[in-house]
């Protein structure tokens, strides 16, 4: 075994200790972020359970416009930036300076009802924390990479309630097939277990605050749902491509406003507010709305379901 994955090496156990510490702190930070997000949403938004078009309160437009303005102001006067968590995992590093302001912008966006999820900001928090601690302790590149990946692993294992999925993600990321990488992967695996355990302990029965779908009703599994699952998976491919196309089109439309974050945030919040007012089902992350759609699918009808799906992609 190399020195990078030598269980008899004190250096490897030192890296293990720092990785577990960063993982624990990242999981705690992710849990706190989720708690703040849920608290803010419960204060700002009423319980919107009516799926009918134009059934939402008019305040939706004002709230989302205000949230967009706040996001624009944060980007204008702070170091907030669009940080790529997966690039940080591949590179084993992230600039920690823009992370706090970026987290604030993300929190305002999520509380404001934008169609986003907490996976990116919690990943930014974990990667930035790992990089910051590594720079504070003047660690080498290998230790920094271990800390960044361990932090993201712990945060995502708790967020998605699946430490094994995180390990698969790491195996699919850019890396060299070496014993050293699997030594780092072992540390990340332990960190993911710490994050998963912390979320289970602190979250109680609500294990997955992101998905909210891990407690399905009791049902008898038959053969035909397996075929239906394959068919739906095939149908999902063009839907995913449609999202990419819509993203590129909208990206080109707002490109002239790239240097004007306040105007872009204000306009984006206003337009999203109008969309949410017309179709309240498009508001927010979508997990609660998915339950409404699944329970009342017959009443909604196929045509309106397709409209909801397209509007959600645009949002």
Foldseek 3Di string as FASTA:
>chain_A
DDQLQDPVHPVLVVLLVLLLVLLLVLLVVLVVLLVLLVVLLPVPDDPDLDQAFLPDDLCLLVLLLVLLLVLLVLVVPALADQDDLLVCLQQLADALRNLVSVSVNVSSCQSSFHQDFCLRNSSSSSLSSLRVVCVVVVHDSLSSSLSSLLSSLLNVCQQVVHSVVSLVVSVPGDDDPDPSVVSSSVSSSVSNVSSQVVLCVVVPPPRHSGQSPPDDDDDDDDDVVVVVVVVVVVVVVVVVVVLVVLVVVVCVVCVVCPVRSSVVSSVVSNVVSVLCSRGVCLTHNNNVSVVSCVVCVVVCDDVNVVVSSVSNSND
